[in-house]
Amino acid sequence: MFTWLTNLGTLGVISLMALCSFAIVAFFAKNRELDRNILRTFVAPLVAGLALTAILAYAVANFGLLIASGGALVWILPSLLLVFAVLGVMASTRLRSSSPRLYAEMGRHRE
C-alpha cells in the first residue's frame, strides 16, 4: 500500500507542477506589463509544462511497473487524480457563485 500511494502522490505532484507551468503562461498573457521577458514568462514555463506533461503520460502509461502490481489498480489509482480534480473544480465553481467576494479574496496576500 505504501508503494501504491507514494507513486500516486508522485503523479499528483507532477500534475500540479505541469498545471503551474501552464498557469504561469496564462497569468503573464493576461498581465504583460508585469514582466516583458518572453523567455521567462512564456518559453521556459511552456517547455517545462510540456515536458512535465510528457513525463506524466509516461508515468501513467507505466504505472503498473511503478506500483509492482497489475489489474484494476493500474487504472483506478491514477483516475483518482481526475476525480479529485473535478471535485475541486466543482467546489470552486460553487464557491464562486455562492460567495463571489470570498472567491475573489482567495489566494490574495494580505500585508
Protein backbone atom coordinates (compact mmCIF):
# COMPACT_ATOMS: atom_id res chain seq x y z
CA MET A 1 0.00 0.00 0.00
CA PHE A 2 2.91 2.35 0.71
CA THR A 3 4.23 1.88 -2.82
CA TRP A 4 0.81 2.45 -4.36
CA LEU A 5 0.10 5.68 -2.51
CA THR A 6 3.58 7.20 -2.79
CA ASN A 7 3.52 6.68 -6.54
CA LEU A 8 0.03 8.13 -6.70
CA GLY A 9 1.34 11.14 -4.76
CA THR A 10 4.20 11.45 -7.24
CA LEU A 11 1.72 11.55 -10.11
CA GLY A 12 -0.18 14.25 -8.25
CA VAL A 13 2.94 16.37 -7.74
CA ILE A 14 3.95 16.03 -11.39
CA SER A 15 0.41 17.02 -12.42
CA LEU A 16 0.45 20.09 -10.19
CA MET A 17 3.87 21.13 -11.46
CA ALA A 18 2.67 20.89 -15.07
CA LEU A 19 -0.50 22.84 -14.29
CA CYS A 20 1.51 25.53 -12.51
CA SER A 21 3.77 25.89 -15.54
CA PHE A 22 0.78 26.46 -17.79
CA ALA A 23 -0.74 28.82 -15.20
CA ILE A 24 2.39 30.99 -15.41
CA VAL A 25 1.95 31.29 -19.16
CA ALA A 26 -1.73 32.21 -18.74
CA PHE A 27 -1.03 34.71 -15.95
CA PHE A 28 1.60 36.63 -17.87
CA ALA A 29 -0.50 36.54 -21.03
CA LYS A 30 -3.14 38.49 -19.08
CA ASN A 31 -0.63 40.69 -17.22
CA ARG A 32 2.01 41.52 -19.82
CA GLU A 33 3.02 44.73 -18.06
CA LEU A 34 4.40 42.84 -15.05
CA ASP A 35 7.32 41.27 -16.91
CA ARG A 36 8.20 41.67 -20.57
CA ASN A 37 10.86 38.93 -20.72
CA ILE A 38 9.26 36.40 -23.08
CA LEU A 39 11.83 33.73 -22.25
CA ARG A 40 10.96 33.86 -18.55
CA THR A 41 7.20 34.33 -18.89
CA PHE A 42 6.36 32.18 -21.91
CA VAL A 43 9.08 29.96 -23.36
CA ALA A 44 10.56 28.40 -20.19
CA PRO A 45 7.21 27.68 -18.46
CA LEU A 46 5.70 26.33 -21.68
CA VAL A 47 8.64 23.98 -22.30
CA ALA A 48 8.56 22.88 -18.66
CA GLY A 49 4.80 22.27 -18.81
CA LEU A 50 5.07 20.22 -21.98
CA ALA A 51 7.99 18.19 -20.61
CA LEU A 52 6.16 17.53 -17.35
CA THR A 53 3.04 16.51 -19.26
CA ALA A 54 5.10 14.03 -21.29
CA ILE A 55 6.65 12.66 -18.08
CA LEU A 56 3.21 12.36 -16.53
CA ALA A 57 1.87 10.49 -19.55
CA TYR A 58 4.85 8.13 -19.46
CA ALA A 59 4.41 7.52 -15.72
CA VAL A 60 0.68 6.83 -16.10
CA ALA A 61 1.31 4.50 -19.05
CA ASN A 62 3.80 2.54 -16.94
CA PHE A 63 2.01 2.86 -13.61
CA GLY A 64 1.76 -0.91 -13.28
CA LEU A 65 5.55 -1.13 -13.22
CA LEU A 66 5.78 1.68 -10.67
CA ILE A 67 3.41 0.03 -8.21
CA ALA A 68 4.58 -3.51 -9.00
CA SER A 69 1.02 -4.60 -9.46
CA GLY A 70 -1.49 -5.19 -12.20
CA GLY A 71 -5.19 -5.42 -12.70
CA ALA A 72 -7.67 -2.74 -11.79
CA LEU A 73 -5.27 -0.76 -9.56
CA VAL A 74 -3.31 0.34 -12.61
CA TRP A 75 -6.21 2.46 -13.85
CA ILE A 76 -8.18 3.07 -10.62
CA LEU A 77 -5.40 4.85 -8.72
CA PRO A 78 -4.45 7.37 -11.46
CA SER A 79 -8.13 8.02 -12.15
CA LEU A 80 -8.48 9.20 -8.54
CA LEU A 81 -6.43 12.26 -9.52
CA LEU A 82 -9.00 13.15 -12.16
CA VAL A 83 -11.90 12.51 -9.79
CA PHE A 84 -10.49 14.84 -7.14
CA ALA A 85 -9.53 17.46 -9.74
CA VAL A 86 -13.14 17.53 -10.96
CA LEU A 87 -14.39 17.74 -7.37
CA GLY A 88 -12.04 20.67 -6.76
CA VAL A 89 -13.30 22.50 -9.84
CA MET A 90 -16.89 21.86 -8.76
CA ALA A 91 -16.17 23.17 -5.25
CA SER A 92 -14.51 26.32 -6.59
CA THR A 93 -17.36 26.92 -9.02
CA ARG A 94 -19.85 26.56 -6.20
CA LEU A 95 -17.85 28.97 -4.02
CA ARG A 96 -17.61 31.45 -6.90
CA SER A 97 -21.38 31.50 -7.35
CA SER A 98 -22.34 31.40 -3.66
CA SER A 99 -19.74 33.83 -2.32
CA PRO A 100 -18.07 35.92 -5.05
CA ARG A 101 -16.33 38.18 -2.52
CA LEU A 102 -14.72 35.26 -0.69
CA TYR A 103 -13.76 33.68 -4.02
CA ALA A 104 -12.13 36.95 -5.16
CA GLU A 105 -10.13 37.18 -1.91
CA MET A 106 -8.95 33.56 -2.05
CA GLY A 107 -5.21 33.36 -2.58
CA ARG A 108 -4.52 37.06 -2.10
CA HIS A 109 -1.68 38.11 0.12
CA ARG A 110 -2.55 40.48 2.92
CA GLU A 111 0.06 42.79 4.35
